[in-house]
Amino acid sequence: MLAAMTDRDGRLAIGELAARSGLAPSALRYYEEMGLIHSERTTGNQRRYPRTALRRVAFVRAAQVVGLSLEEARAALDRLPVDRAPGAAEWNAVARTWQRRIDARIGELERLRERLTGCIGCGCLSLRKCGLYNPGDVAGSQGPGARYLEGDPLPEA
C-alpha cells in the first residue's frame, strides 16, 4: 500500500511521509507551514514531498529530543540544502551550533536542579522565603517569566 503513495518521481504523499516518519499528517502540514519541510503540489492539488523530507523530519525530531525549539531547528535547517542530503562539513557546522545550545541547556537544568534541591531540602515551603515562589509578585518588576528560576538573584530575607 505504501508503494502506491509514492509517485513516479519518488516523491512521497503526505500519508506515506506520515507513516514513515511517525508524525500525524497535521504535524507535517504544520512543519511545512513553519518552513521545516517543503512540498510540491500535483495537478490535483495534493502535496508531494521529496525523499529528503524524511531526513529533515528526523532532524527536527532529534532537535526536539535534545530540547531545541522548532524555531531553532528551522534556523539549523535553513543552513542545510533543501534538495539533497547535507555533506559532512554542513552537518558538522550544525552540530557545533547544537553542542553550544545543548551545553547551555545542561547548565540551565543544573541550576534548576540546585534550586529545587535547596527548596525541597529546606522544608520551609514558606512563600515569604522560598525562591521558587513569588509572593506579591515581587519579581514581576524584573520582567516576565519565572525570574528566580531564570537566574535573577533572590531578594534578601
Protein backbone atom coordinates (compact mmCIF):
# COMPACT_ATOMS: atom_id res chain seq x y z
CA MET A 1 0.00 0.00 0.00
CA LEU A 2 2.77 2.48 0.81
CA ALA A 3 4.35 1.96 -2.59
CA ALA A 4 1.17 3.32 -4.19
CA MET A 5 1.62 6.51 -2.20
CA THR A 6 4.92 7.28 -3.95
CA ASP A 7 4.70 8.91 -7.36
CA ARG A 8 6.77 8.13 -10.45
CA ASP A 9 9.42 10.65 -9.42
CA GLY A 10 9.81 9.04 -6.00
CA ARG A 11 8.04 11.85 -4.19
CA LEU A 12 6.04 10.89 -1.12
CA ALA A 13 2.37 11.54 -0.47
CA ILE A 14 1.62 13.00 2.93
CA GLY A 15 0.23 9.66 4.13
CA GLU A 16 3.45 7.84 3.31
CA LEU A 17 5.58 10.56 4.88
CA ALA A 18 3.37 10.35 7.98
CA ALA A 19 3.64 6.56 8.12
CA ARG A 20 7.40 6.53 7.65
CA SER A 21 8.15 9.45 9.97
CA GLY A 22 5.72 8.56 12.75
CA LEU A 23 4.12 12.01 12.66
CA ALA A 24 0.49 12.82 12.00
CA PRO A 25 -0.33 14.49 8.67
CA SER A 26 -1.46 17.57 10.63
CA ALA A 27 2.02 17.83 12.20
CA LEU A 28 3.61 17.54 8.75
CA ARG A 29 1.39 20.33 7.44
CA TYR A 30 2.42 22.44 10.45
CA TYR A 31 6.10 21.68 9.78
CA GLU A 32 5.56 22.77 6.20
CA GLU A 33 3.82 25.97 7.33
CA MET A 34 6.84 26.70 9.54
CA GLY A 35 9.25 26.10 6.65
CA LEU A 36 10.81 22.96 8.16
CA ILE A 37 9.85 20.80 5.17
CA HIS A 38 8.71 21.62 1.65
CA SER A 39 6.31 20.00 -0.80
CA GLU A 40 5.17 20.44 -4.34
CA ARG A 41 1.56 20.22 -5.47
CA THR A 42 0.23 17.81 -8.06
CA THR A 43 -2.24 18.90 -10.72
CA GLY A 44 -4.89 17.54 -8.32
CA ASN A 45 -3.51 19.88 -5.59
CA GLN A 46 -2.12 17.04 -3.47
CA ARG A 47 1.13 17.51 -1.59
CA ARG A 48 4.17 15.54 -2.70
CA TYR A 49 7.30 15.58 -0.60
CA PRO A 50 10.81 14.83 -1.81
CA ARG A 51 12.52 11.90 -0.07
CA THR A 52 14.80 14.41 1.65
CA ALA A 53 11.76 15.41 3.74
CA LEU A 54 12.22 12.17 5.73
CA ARG A 55 15.72 13.28 6.74
CA ARG A 56 14.50 16.78 7.59
CA VAL A 57 11.68 15.42 9.78
CA ALA A 58 14.14 13.11 11.57
CA PHE A 59 16.41 16.12 12.09
CA VAL A 60 13.56 18.15 13.64
CA ARG A 61 12.57 15.29 15.92
CA ALA A 62 16.19 14.87 17.05
CA ALA A 63 16.33 18.61 17.77
CA GLN A 64 13.23 18.33 19.93
CA VAL A 65 14.65 15.35 21.84
CA VAL A 66 17.68 17.41 22.88
CA GLY A 67 15.43 20.30 23.93
CA LEU A 68 15.68 22.63 20.95
CA SER A 69 12.64 24.56 19.80
CA LEU A 70 11.12 24.26 16.34
CA GLU A 71 12.47 27.74 15.62
CA GLU A 72 16.00 26.59 16.49
CA ALA A 73 15.54 23.52 14.29
CA ARG A 74 14.37 25.74 11.44
CA ALA A 75 17.38 28.03 11.84
CA ALA A 76 19.65 25.00 11.57
CA LEU A 77 17.74 23.59 8.58
CA ASP A 78 17.99 26.96 6.85
CA ARG A 79 21.75 26.39 6.76
CA LEU A 80 21.36 22.98 5.07
CA PRO A 81 20.45 22.15 1.47
CA VAL A 82 16.77 21.52 0.76
CA ASP A 83 17.16 19.26 -2.27
CA ARG A 84 19.93 16.87 -1.22
CA ALA A 85 21.49 15.20 1.77
CA PRO A 86 23.92 17.53 3.58
CA GLY A 87 27.62 16.81 3.38
CA ALA A 88 29.86 16.17 6.37
CA ALA A 89 31.04 19.79 6.60
CA GLU A 90 27.44 21.04 6.57
CA TRP A 91 26.39 18.59 9.31
CA ASN A 92 29.45 19.49 11.40
CA ALA A 93 28.60 23.20 11.28
CA VAL A 94 25.09 22.46 12.56
CA ALA A 95 26.43 20.03 15.17
CA ARG A 96 28.72 22.71 16.60
CA THR A 97 25.72 25.04 16.98
CA TRP A 98 23.72 22.27 18.68
CA GLN A 99 26.58 21.45 21.04
CA ARG A 100 26.66 25.04 22.30
CA ARG A 101 22.88 25.05 22.75
CA ILE A 102 22.90 21.65 24.47
CA ASP A 103 25.68 22.79 26.83
CA ALA A 104 23.64 25.90 27.69
CA ARG A 105 20.54 23.76 28.29
CA ILE A 106 22.51 21.43 30.56
CA GLY A 107 23.62 24.47 32.57
CA GLU A 108 20.01 25.66 32.85
CA LEU A 109 18.87 22.25 34.05
CA GLU A 110 21.70 22.00 36.59
CA ARG A 111 20.76 25.42 38.02
CA LEU A 112 17.12 24.33 38.20
CA ARG A 113 18.12 21.11 39.97
CA GLU A 114 20.14 23.09 42.54
CA ARG A 115 17.24 25.43 43.22
CA LEU A 116 14.74 22.59 43.50
CA THR A 117 17.03 20.63 45.80
CA GLY A 118 17.55 23.67 48.01
CA CYS A 119 13.86 24.38 48.28
CA ILE A 120 12.77 20.83 48.87
CA GLY A 121 15.68 20.27 51.23
CA CYS A 122 14.96 23.25 53.46
CA GLY A 123 11.47 22.03 54.29
CA CYS A 124 10.11 25.51 54.97
CA LEU A 125 7.83 25.78 51.95
CA SER A 126 7.38 29.39 53.04
CA LEU A 127 6.03 31.61 50.31
CA ARG A 128 7.83 34.51 52.02
CA LYS A 129 11.28 32.92 51.77
CA CYS A 130 11.12 30.33 49.00
CA GLY A 131 12.94 31.17 45.78
CA LEU A 132 10.55 29.02 43.75
CA TYR A 133 7.51 31.09 44.64
CA ASN A 134 6.88 34.78 44.25
CA PRO A 135 4.57 36.23 46.92
CA GLY A 136 3.07 39.57 46.00
CA ASP A 137 4.68 39.35 42.56
CA VAL A 138 7.92 40.88 43.86
CA ALA A 139 9.81 39.54 40.85
CA GLY A 140 7.25 40.94 38.42
CA SER A 141 9.15 44.21 38.24
CA GLN A 142 12.18 42.28 36.95
CA GLY A 143 10.39 41.09 33.81
CA PRO A 144 8.17 38.25 32.57
CA GLY A 145 8.66 34.58 33.36
CA ALA A 146 9.97 32.67 36.34
CA ARG A 147 12.61 35.23 37.24
CA TYR A 148 14.30 33.31 40.08
CA LEU A 149 14.40 30.08 38.06
CA GLU A 150 15.92 32.04 35.18
CA GLY A 151 18.77 33.17 37.40
CA ASP A 152 17.67 36.51 38.86
CA PRO A 153 19.05 36.95 42.40
CA LEU A 154 16.70 36.14 45.24
CA PRO A 155 15.73 39.08 47.46
CA GLU A 156 17.45 39.26 50.81
CA ALA A 157 15.32 37.75 53.57
